[in-house]
Amino acid sequence: MTCKPSTAWVSCAPATSGRDYPGWRSPPSSSATSEATVPPPVSASPPPANVAATVLSWYDVHARDLPWRRPEATPWGVLVSEVMLQQTPVSRVLPAYAMWLARWPTPAVLAVDPPGEAVRAWGRLGYPRRALRLHQAATAIVAHHGGQVPASYDELRALPGVGDYTAAAVTTFAFRHRHAVVDTNVRRVLARLLGGVEFPLGAGVTATDRRVAATLLPDDPVVAARWAVALMELGALVCTARAPRCGACPLADRCAWRQAGRPVYT
């Protein structure tokens, strides 16, 4: 498959427990027993080099066809999808995403409309402040970047309402920059694969999480972008928080947690 720089290798997948949260936006687990008790080692050993190739081969077969990862997807479309997919099921995002980009295909078109229009168009997505943040980001993009979504992590991070994850995701998926993209799914996969524990400690992404993820990035930026989203999708589809499907995992024979008998720490 040939992709333009804005193709974004972005992927989404149904999440666990019957809800279709996207692969890189699954909500934190509500479990209070086994979730936050044993952290992965601070310095985990990188897996063998062929792990990336194995996961990418799996992803080539199982990746979903979603509008924000098609060749025609723009950086603005990727940014919109990232904001919409925060704690919102894919099934609700799809129609809203199509409507939003039909009405506001660029930041400039959104910026000239009143903020209230963005909130009204947000509909059933929930957390309507996200619509205001998108409007503020669009205004800043027009004012400071000539109406073009910036490509660098630092410039993206400076946009209103854009946090570390969103900036990393957009620079990676929309522009194929080499950057560690870490969410709940990635933390869980790496904790099991490298650390041999069911869940990482705590609910938030840490500097250690980012350092470990960065050490696993393939050298080629395009491959690194695909690796990032493939790892997220693996966590969303297979290495789920509840009832992980280890038998379907391409890394089952190399997973430290599975080799330890899938212990549950309480």
C-alpha atoms as a PDB file:
ATOM      1  CA  MET A   1       0.000   0.000   0.000  1.00  0.00           C
ATOM      2  CA  THR A   2       1.347   3.440  -0.933  1.00  0.00           C
ATOM      3  CA  CYS A   3       0.633   6.290   1.430  1.00  0.00           C
ATOM      4  CA  LYS A   4       1.062  10.042   1.286  1.00  0.00           C
ATOM      5  CA  PRO A   5       2.640  11.852   4.252  1.00  0.00           C
ATOM      6  CA  SER A   6      -0.850  12.589   5.541  1.00  0.00           C
ATOM      7  CA  THR A   7      -1.933   8.966   5.270  1.00  0.00           C
ATOM      8  CA  ALA A   8      -1.274   8.663   8.953  1.00  0.00           C
ATOM      9  CA  TRP A   9      -0.989   4.942   9.440  1.00  0.00           C
ATOM     10  CA  VAL A  10      -3.613   5.643  12.083  1.00  0.00           C
ATOM     11  CA  SER A  11      -5.611   2.728  13.270  1.00  0.00           C
ATOM     12  CA  CYS A  12      -8.510   2.098  15.518  1.00  0.00           C
ATOM     13  CA  ALA A  13      -9.919  -1.077  16.896  1.00  0.00           C
ATOM     14  CA  PRO A  14     -12.736  -2.274  19.082  1.00  0.00           C
ATOM     15  CA  ALA A  15     -11.855  -2.298  22.713  1.00  0.00           C
ATOM     16  CA  THR A  16     -12.679  -4.710  25.429  1.00  0.00           C
ATOM     17  CA  SER A  17     -15.864  -5.617  27.227  1.00  0.00           C
ATOM     18  CA  GLY A  18     -18.058  -5.217  24.159  1.00  0.00           C
ATOM     19  CA  ARG A  19     -17.306  -1.530  23.699  1.00  0.00           C
ATOM     20  CA  ASP A  20     -15.610  -0.288  20.564  1.00  0.00           C
ATOM     21  CA  TYR A  21     -13.162   2.189  21.993  1.00  0.00           C
ATOM     22  CA  PRO A  22     -10.365   2.866  19.522  1.00  0.00           C
ATOM     23  CA  GLY A  23      -7.112   1.011  19.846  1.00  0.00           C
ATOM     24  CA  TRP A  24      -5.202   3.992  21.167  1.00  0.00           C
ATOM     25  CA  ARG A  25      -7.983   5.486  23.267  1.00  0.00           C
ATOM     26  CA  SER A  26      -9.166   2.710  25.554  1.00  0.00           C
ATOM     27  CA  PRO A  27     -10.291   4.028  28.949  1.00  0.00           C
ATOM     28  CA  PRO A  28      -8.329   3.152  32.074  1.00  0.00           C
ATOM     29  CA  SER A  29      -9.504   0.012  33.791  1.00  0.00           C
ATOM     30  CA  SER A  30     -11.748   0.465  36.804  1.00  0.00           C
ATOM     31  CA  SER A  31     -10.336  -2.608  38.515  1.00  0.00           C
ATOM     32  CA  ALA A  32      -9.012  -1.776  41.961  1.00  0.00           C
ATOM     33  CA  THR A  33      -7.454  -5.132  42.704  1.00  0.00           C
ATOM     34  CA  SER A  34      -4.923  -6.178  40.098  1.00  0.00           C
ATOM     35  CA  GLU A  35      -4.537  -2.991  38.060  1.00  0.00           C
ATOM     36  CA  ALA A  36      -2.130  -0.832  40.029  1.00  0.00           C
ATOM     37  CA  THR A  37      -0.126  -3.059  42.253  1.00  0.00           C
ATOM     38  CA  VAL A  38       3.040  -4.273  40.568  1.00  0.00           C
ATOM     39  CA  PRO A  39       4.945  -2.014  38.146  1.00  0.00           C
ATOM     40  CA  PRO A  40       6.986  -3.267  35.220  1.00  0.00           C
ATOM     41  CA  PRO A  41      10.742  -3.093  35.664  1.00  0.00           C
ATOM     42  CA  VAL A  42      12.157   0.399  35.254  1.00  0.00           C
ATOM     43  CA  SER A  43      14.592  -0.823  32.616  1.00  0.00           C
ATOM     44  CA  ALA A  44      13.042  -3.577  30.545  1.00  0.00           C
ATOM     45  CA  SER A  45      15.145  -5.443  28.016  1.00  0.00           C
ATOM     46  CA  PRO A  46      14.097  -4.764  24.418  1.00  0.00           C
ATOM     47  CA  PRO A  47      12.485  -7.728  22.657  1.00  0.00           C
ATOM     48  CA  PRO A  48      14.218  -9.399  19.711  1.00  0.00           C
ATOM     49  CA  ALA A  49      14.456  -7.378  16.518  1.00  0.00           C
ATOM     50  CA  ASN A  50      11.905  -9.555  14.734  1.00  0.00           C
ATOM     51  CA  VAL A  51       9.171  -8.551  17.187  1.00  0.00           C
ATOM     52  CA  ALA A  52       8.429  -5.431  15.150  1.00  0.00           C
ATOM     53  CA  ALA A  53       8.207  -7.446  11.933  1.00  0.00           C
ATOM     54  CA  THR A  54       5.910  -9.963  13.620  1.00  0.00           C
ATOM     55  CA  VAL A  55       3.537  -7.301  14.917  1.00  0.00           C
ATOM     56  CA  LEU A  56       3.536  -5.445  11.600  1.00  0.00           C
ATOM     57  CA  SER A  57       2.655  -8.634   9.723  1.00  0.00           C
ATOM     58  CA  TRP A  58      -0.220  -9.217  12.138  1.00  0.00           C
ATOM     59  CA  TYR A  59      -1.350  -5.612  11.708  1.00  0.00           C
ATOM     60  CA  ASP A  60      -1.348  -5.898   7.916  1.00  0.00           C
ATOM     61  CA  VAL A  61      -3.994  -8.603   8.233  1.00  0.00           C
ATOM     62  CA  HIS A  62      -6.089  -7.217  11.099  1.00  0.00           C
ATOM     63  CA  ALA A  63      -5.983  -3.423  10.675  1.00  0.00           C
ATOM     64  CA  ARG A  64      -9.362  -1.790  10.289  1.00  0.00           C
ATOM     65  CA  ASP A  65     -10.348   0.470   7.414  1.00  0.00           C
ATOM     66  CA  LEU A  66     -11.273   3.781   9.012  1.00  0.00           C
ATOM     67  CA  PRO A  67     -11.471   7.204   7.347  1.00  0.00           C
ATOM     68  CA  TRP A  68      -8.698   8.864   9.360  1.00  0.00           C
ATOM     69  CA  ARG A  69      -6.168   6.312   8.146  1.00  0.00           C
ATOM     70  CA  ARG A  70      -6.953   6.344   4.446  1.00  0.00           C
ATOM     71  CA  PRO A  71      -4.613   7.934   1.859  1.00  0.00           C
ATOM     72  CA  GLU A  72      -6.881  10.958   1.508  1.00  0.00           C
ATOM     73  CA  ALA A  73      -6.847  11.715   5.246  1.00  0.00           C
ATOM     74  CA  THR A  74      -5.348  15.116   6.036  1.00  0.00           C
ATOM     75  CA  PRO A  75      -3.376  16.173   9.126  1.00  0.00           C
ATOM     76  CA  TRP A  76      -6.445  18.166  10.177  1.00  0.00           C
ATOM     77  CA  GLY A  77      -8.562  15.044   9.837  1.00  0.00           C
ATOM     78  CA  VAL A  78      -6.102  13.110  11.979  1.00  0.00           C
ATOM     79  CA  LEU A  79      -6.185  15.823  14.650  1.00  0.00           C
ATOM     80  CA  VAL A  80      -9.990  15.893  14.612  1.00  0.00           C
ATOM     81  CA  SER A  81     -10.132  12.114  14.943  1.00  0.00           C
ATOM     82  CA  GLU A  82      -7.722  12.104  17.874  1.00  0.00           C
ATOM     83  CA  VAL A  83      -9.819  14.622  19.791  1.00  0.00           C
ATOM     84  CA  MET A  84     -13.109  12.909  18.977  1.00  0.00           C
ATOM     85  CA  LEU A  85     -11.834   9.468  19.935  1.00  0.00           C
ATOM     86  CA  GLN A  86     -10.978  10.468  23.481  1.00  0.00           C
ATOM     87  CA  GLN A  87     -13.223   8.287  25.653  1.00  0.00           C
ATOM     88  CA  THR A  88     -15.769   7.965  22.836  1.00  0.00           C
ATOM     89  CA  PRO A  89     -16.763   4.761  20.996  1.00  0.00           C
ATOM     90  CA  VAL A  90     -15.791   4.510  17.341  1.00  0.00           C
ATOM     91  CA  SER A  91     -19.400   3.828  16.348  1.00  0.00           C
ATOM     92  CA  ARG A  92     -20.390   7.286  17.606  1.00  0.00           C
ATOM     93  CA  VAL A  93     -17.324   9.003  16.186  1.00  0.00           C
ATOM     94  CA  LEU A  94     -17.710   7.778  12.603  1.00  0.00           C
ATOM     95  CA  PRO A  95     -20.861   9.751  11.647  1.00  0.00           C
ATOM     96  CA  ALA A  96     -19.753  12.815  13.613  1.00  0.00           C
ATOM     97  CA  TYR A  97     -16.324  12.735  11.990  1.00  0.00           C
ATOM     98  CA  ALA A  98     -17.821  12.569   8.492  1.00  0.00           C
ATOM     99  CA  MET A  99     -20.224  15.422   9.237  1.00  0.00           C
ATOM    100  CA  TRP A 100     -17.530  17.551  10.884  1.00  0.00           C
ATOM    101  CA  LEU A 101     -15.080  17.296   7.988  1.00  0.00           C
ATOM    102  CA  ALA A 102     -17.831  17.856   5.434  1.00  0.00           C
ATOM    103  CA  ARG A 103     -18.706  21.108   7.190  1.00  0.00           C
ATOM    104  CA  TRP A 104     -15.215  22.119   8.356  1.00  0.00           C
ATOM    105  CA  PRO A 105     -12.673  20.459   6.052  1.00  0.00           C
ATOM    106  CA  THR A 106      -9.878  22.782   7.170  1.00  0.00           C
ATOM    107  CA  PRO A 107      -8.966  24.678  10.348  1.00  0.00           C
ATOM    108  CA  ALA A 108      -9.642  27.975   8.573  1.00  0.00           C
ATOM    109  CA  VAL A 109     -13.260  27.089   7.827  1.00  0.00           C
ATOM    110  CA  LEU A 110     -13.887  26.152  11.457  1.00  0.00           C
ATOM    111  CA  ALA A 111     -12.083  29.190  12.852  1.00  0.00           C
ATOM    112  CA  VAL A 112     -14.447  31.680  11.181  1.00  0.00           C
ATOM    113  CA  ASP A 113     -17.543  30.072  12.705  1.00  0.00           C
ATOM    114  CA  PRO A 114     -18.637  30.900  16.270  1.00  0.00           C
ATOM    115  CA  PRO A 115     -17.472  28.426  18.939  1.00  0.00           C
ATOM    116  CA  GLY A 116     -21.102  27.635  19.727  1.00  0.00           C
ATOM    117  CA  GLU A 117     -21.505  26.079  16.291  1.00  0.00           C
ATOM    118  CA  ALA A 118     -18.735  23.610  17.068  1.00  0.00           C
ATOM    119  CA  VAL A 119     -20.410  22.683  20.345  1.00  0.00           C
ATOM    120  CA  ARG A 120     -23.795  22.184  18.664  1.00  0.00           C
ATOM    121  CA  ALA A 121     -22.244  19.997  15.991  1.00  0.00           C
ATOM    122  CA  TRP A 122     -20.550  17.874  18.635  1.00  0.00           C
ATOM    123  CA  GLY A 123     -23.867  16.118  19.187  1.00  0.00           C
ATOM    124  CA  ARG A 124     -23.752  12.826  21.108  1.00  0.00           C
ATOM    125  CA  LEU A 125     -19.984  12.570  21.401  1.00  0.00           C
ATOM    126  CA  GLY A 126     -19.989  13.797  24.995  1.00  0.00           C
ATOM    127  CA  TYR A 127     -17.462  16.007  26.770  1.00  0.00           C
ATOM    128  CA  PRO A 128     -18.410  19.053  24.642  1.00  0.00           C
ATOM    129  CA  ARG A 129     -15.423  21.028  25.889  1.00  0.00           C
ATOM    130  CA  ARG A 130     -13.463  19.030  23.345  1.00  0.00           C
ATOM    131  CA  ALA A 131     -15.356  20.897  20.615  1.00  0.00           C
ATOM    132  CA  LEU A 132     -14.269  24.192  22.127  1.00  0.00           C
ATOM    133  CA  ARG A 133     -10.670  22.974  22.274  1.00  0.00           C
ATOM    134  CA  LEU A 134     -10.792  22.012  18.609  1.00  0.00           C
ATOM    135  CA  HIS A 135     -12.165  25.444  17.749  1.00  0.00           C
ATOM    136  CA  GLN A 136      -9.394  27.087  19.774  1.00  0.00           C
ATOM    137  CA  ALA A 137      -6.793  24.889  18.103  1.00  0.00           C
ATOM    138  CA  ALA A 138      -8.164  25.766  14.662  1.00  0.00           C
ATOM    139  CA  THR A 139      -7.981  29.462  15.508  1.00  0.00           C
ATOM    140  CA  ALA A 140      -4.371  29.098  16.666  1.00  0.00           C
ATOM    141  CA  ILE A 141      -3.449  27.113  13.549  1.00  0.00           C
ATOM    142  CA  VAL A 142      -4.805  29.904  11.361  1.00  0.00           C
ATOM    143  CA  ALA A 143      -3.171  32.653  13.422  1.00  0.00           C
ATOM    144  CA  HIS A 144       0.259  31.098  13.855  1.00  0.00           C
ATOM    145  CA  HIS A 145       0.685  28.433  11.174  1.00  0.00           C
ATOM    146  CA  GLY A 146      -0.956  29.828   8.058  1.00  0.00           C
ATOM    147  CA  GLY A 147      -3.925  27.503   8.398  1.00  0.00           C
ATOM    148  CA  GLN A 148      -1.794  24.350   8.163  1.00  0.00           C
ATOM    149  CA  VAL A 149      -1.593  21.852  11.015  1.00  0.00           C
ATOM    150  CA  PRO A 150       2.015  22.035  12.243  1.00  0.00           C
ATOM    151  CA  ALA A 151       4.146  18.949  11.811  1.00  0.00           C
ATOM    152  CA  SER A 152       6.475  19.149  14.788  1.00  0.00           C
ATOM    153  CA  TYR A 153       5.677  17.711  18.186  1.00  0.00           C
ATOM    154  CA  ASP A 154       6.561  20.953  20.003  1.00  0.00           C
ATOM    155  CA  GLU A 155       4.339  23.110  17.794  1.00  0.00           C
ATOM    156  CA  LEU A 156       1.470  20.667  18.101  1.00  0.00           C
ATOM    157  CA  ARG A 157       1.918  20.506  21.863  1.00  0.00           C
ATOM    158  CA  ALA A 158       1.610  24.299  22.019  1.00  0.00           C
ATOM    159  CA  LEU A 159      -1.864  24.256  20.452  1.00  0.00           C
ATOM    160  CA  PRO A 160      -4.781  24.807  22.861  1.00  0.00           C
ATOM    161  CA  GLY A 161      -6.081  21.535  24.266  1.00  0.00           C
ATOM    162  CA  VAL A 162      -3.391  19.358  22.662  1.00  0.00           C
ATOM    163  CA  GLY A 163      -1.611  17.145  25.178  1.00  0.00           C
ATOM    164  CA  ASP A 164       1.428  14.917  24.934  1.00  0.00           C
ATOM    165  CA  TYR A 165      -0.353  11.919  23.472  1.00  0.00           C
ATOM    166  CA  THR A 166      -2.288  13.874  20.845  1.00  0.00           C
ATOM    167  CA  ALA A 167       0.818  15.774  19.740  1.00  0.00           C
ATOM    168  CA  ALA A 168       2.808  12.551  19.491  1.00  0.00           C
ATOM    169  CA  ALA A 169       0.021  10.799  17.591  1.00  0.00           C
ATOM    170  CA  VAL A 170      -0.482  13.584  15.054  1.00  0.00           C
ATOM    171  CA  THR A 171       3.219  14.128  14.332  1.00  0.00           C
ATOM    172  CA  THR A 172       3.637  10.374  13.928  1.00  0.00           C
ATOM    173  CA  PHE A 173       0.476   9.347  12.104  1.00  0.00           C
ATOM    174  CA  ALA A 174      -0.098  12.443   9.957  1.00  0.00           C
ATOM    175  CA  PHE A 175       3.526  13.317   9.162  1.00  0.00           C
ATOM    176  CA  ARG A 176       5.356  10.021   9.731  1.00  0.00           C
ATOM    177  CA  HIS A 177       7.789  11.543  12.195  1.00  0.00           C
ATOM    178  CA  ARG A 178       9.629   9.090  14.411  1.00  0.00           C
ATOM    179  CA  HIS A 179       8.160   9.553  17.897  1.00  0.00           C
ATOM    180  CA  ALA A 180       7.080   7.259  20.712  1.00  0.00           C
ATOM    181  CA  VAL A 181       3.278   7.171  20.959  1.00  0.00           C
ATOM    182  CA  VAL A 182       2.182   5.696  24.273  1.00  0.00           C
ATOM    183  CA  ASP A 183      -1.359   5.146  25.467  1.00  0.00           C
ATOM    184  CA  THR A 184      -3.089   2.748  27.850  1.00  0.00           C
ATOM    185  CA  ASN A 185      -2.953  -0.097  25.352  1.00  0.00           C
ATOM    186  CA  VAL A 186       0.750   0.309  24.639  1.00  0.00           C
ATOM    187  CA  ARG A 187       1.587   0.484  28.359  1.00  0.00           C
ATOM    188  CA  ARG A 188      -0.306  -2.754  28.966  1.00  0.00           C
ATOM    189  CA  VAL A 189       1.278  -4.617  26.046  1.00  0.00           C
ATOM    190  CA  LEU A 190       4.800  -3.604  27.063  1.00  0.00           C
ATOM    191  CA  ALA A 191       4.183  -4.383  30.738  1.00  0.00           C
ATOM    192  CA  ARG A 192       3.157  -7.921  29.802  1.00  0.00           C
ATOM    193  CA  LEU A 193       5.624  -8.492  26.978  1.00  0.00           C
ATOM    194  CA  LEU A 194       8.728  -7.110  28.699  1.00  0.00           C
ATOM    195  CA  GLY A 195       7.909  -6.801  32.387  1.00  0.00           C
ATOM    196  CA  GLY A 196       5.950  -9.993  32.945  1.00  0.00           C
ATOM    197  CA  VAL A 197       3.185  -8.210  34.864  1.00  0.00           C
ATOM    198  CA  GLU A 198      -0.491  -7.934  34.047  1.00  0.00           C
ATOM    199  CA  PHE A 199      -0.800  -4.163  34.365  1.00  0.00           C
ATOM    200  CA  PRO A 200       1.646  -1.269  34.709  1.00  0.00           C
ATOM    201  CA  LEU A 201       1.607   0.732  37.912  1.00  0.00           C
ATOM    202  CA  GLY A 202      -0.731   3.708  37.979  1.00  0.00           C
ATOM    203  CA  ALA A 203      -3.197   5.073  35.478  1.00  0.00           C
ATOM    204  CA  GLY A 204      -1.069   7.618  33.641  1.00  0.00           C
ATOM    205  CA  VAL A 205       1.748   7.401  31.129  1.00  0.00           C
ATOM    206  CA  THR A 206       5.132   8.040  32.733  1.00  0.00           C
ATOM    207  CA  ALA A 207       8.489   9.242  31.459  1.00  0.00           C
ATOM    208  CA  THR A 208       9.759   5.685  31.903  1.00  0.00           C
ATOM    209  CA  ASP A 209       6.955   4.388  29.675  1.00  0.00           C
ATOM    210  CA  ARG A 210       7.992   6.812  26.950  1.00  0.00           C
ATOM    211  CA  ARG A 211      11.677   5.949  27.291  1.00  0.00           C
ATOM    212  CA  VAL A 212      11.003   2.222  26.993  1.00  0.00           C
ATOM    213  CA  ALA A 213       8.699   2.752  24.007  1.00  0.00           C
ATOM    214  CA  ALA A 214      11.301   4.961  22.339  1.00  0.00           C
ATOM    215  CA  THR A 215      13.943   2.231  22.580  1.00  0.00           C
ATOM    216  CA  LEU A 216      11.677  -0.087  20.579  1.00  0.00           C
ATOM    217  CA  LEU A 217      11.065   2.291  17.669  1.00  0.00           C
ATOM    218  CA  PRO A 218      12.308   1.045  14.293  1.00  0.00           C
ATOM    219  CA  ASP A 219      14.846   3.385  12.713  1.00  0.00           C
ATOM    220  CA  ASP A 220      12.813   4.144   9.608  1.00  0.00           C
ATOM    221  CA  PRO A 221      10.156   6.807  10.411  1.00  0.00           C
ATOM    222  CA  VAL A 222       7.518   5.230   8.165  1.00  0.00           C
ATOM    223  CA  VAL A 223       8.014   1.820   9.739  1.00  0.00           C
ATOM    224  CA  ALA A 224       8.096   3.416  13.198  1.00  0.00           C
ATOM    225  CA  ALA A 225       4.693   5.004  12.558  1.00  0.00           C
ATOM    226  CA  ARG A 226       3.220   1.677  11.502  1.00  0.00           C
ATOM    227  CA  TRP A 227       4.805  -0.039  14.499  1.00  0.00           C
ATOM    228  CA  ALA A 228       3.270   2.520  16.858  1.00  0.00           C
ATOM    229  CA  VAL A 229      -0.252   2.037  15.605  1.00  0.00           C
ATOM    230  CA  ALA A 230       0.151  -1.732  15.241  1.00  0.00           C
ATOM    231  CA  LEU A 231       1.158  -2.013  18.894  1.00  0.00           C
ATOM    232  CA  MET A 232      -1.905  -0.003  19.892  1.00  0.00           C
ATOM    233  CA  GLU A 233      -4.174  -2.198  17.835  1.00  0.00           C
ATOM    234  CA  LEU A 234      -2.662  -5.328  19.321  1.00  0.00           C
ATOM    235  CA  GLY A 235      -3.555  -3.992  22.761  1.00  0.00           C
ATOM    236  CA  ALA A 236      -7.072  -3.111  21.676  1.00  0.00           C
ATOM    237  CA  LEU A 237      -7.915  -6.330  19.860  1.00  0.00           C
ATOM    238  CA  VAL A 238      -5.877  -9.054  21.532  1.00  0.00           C
ATOM    239  CA  CYS A 239      -3.894  -7.981  24.598  1.00  0.00           C
ATOM    240  CA  THR A 240      -6.963  -6.495  26.225  1.00  0.00           C
ATOM    241  CA  ALA A 241      -7.327  -5.390  29.825  1.00  0.00           C
ATOM    242  CA  ARG A 242      -9.910  -8.082  30.513  1.00  0.00           C
ATOM    243  CA  ALA A 243      -9.920 -11.563  28.972  1.00  0.00           C
ATOM    244  CA  PRO A 244      -6.813 -11.180  26.793  1.00  0.00           C
ATOM    245  CA  ARG A 245      -6.794 -13.549  23.830  1.00  0.00           C
ATOM    246  CA  CYS A 246      -3.282 -14.909  24.241  1.00  0.00           C
ATOM    247  CA  GLY A 247      -3.974 -17.700  21.769  1.00  0.00           C
ATOM    248  CA  ALA A 248      -4.438 -15.121  19.019  1.00  0.00           C
ATOM    249  CA  CYS A 249      -1.402 -13.030  19.953  1.00  0.00           C
ATOM    250  CA  PRO A 250       1.512 -13.004  17.497  1.00  0.00           C
ATOM    251  CA  LEU A 251       3.887 -12.437  20.429  1.00  0.00           C
ATOM    252  CA  ALA A 252       2.534 -15.167  22.700  1.00  0.00           C
ATOM    253  CA  ASP A 253       5.716 -17.235  22.571  1.00  0.00           C
ATOM    254  CA  ARG A 254       7.798 -14.215  23.585  1.00  0.00           C
ATOM    255  CA  CYS A 255       5.525 -12.685  26.225  1.00  0.00           C
ATOM    256  CA  ALA A 256       7.077 -12.622  29.697  1.00  0.00           C
ATOM    257  CA  TRP A 257       3.666 -12.478  31.393  1.00  0.00           C
ATOM    258  CA  ARG A 258       2.390 -15.534  29.516  1.00  0.00           C
ATOM    259  CA  GLN A 259       5.598 -17.434  30.197  1.00  0.00           C
ATOM    260  CA  ALA A 260       5.087 -16.694  33.885  1.00  0.00           C
ATOM    261  CA  GLY A 261       1.669 -18.351  33.744  1.00  0.00           C
ATOM    262  CA  ARG A 262      -0.340 -15.126  33.429  1.00  0.00           C
ATOM    263  CA  PRO A 263      -0.130 -14.398  37.168  1.00  0.00           C
ATOM    264  CA  VAL A 264      -2.650 -11.970  38.620  1.00  0.00           C
ATOM    265  CA  TYR A 265      -1.050  -9.722  41.225  1.00  0.00           C
ATOM    266  CA  THR A 266      -3.247  -8.587  44.091  1.00  0.00           C
END
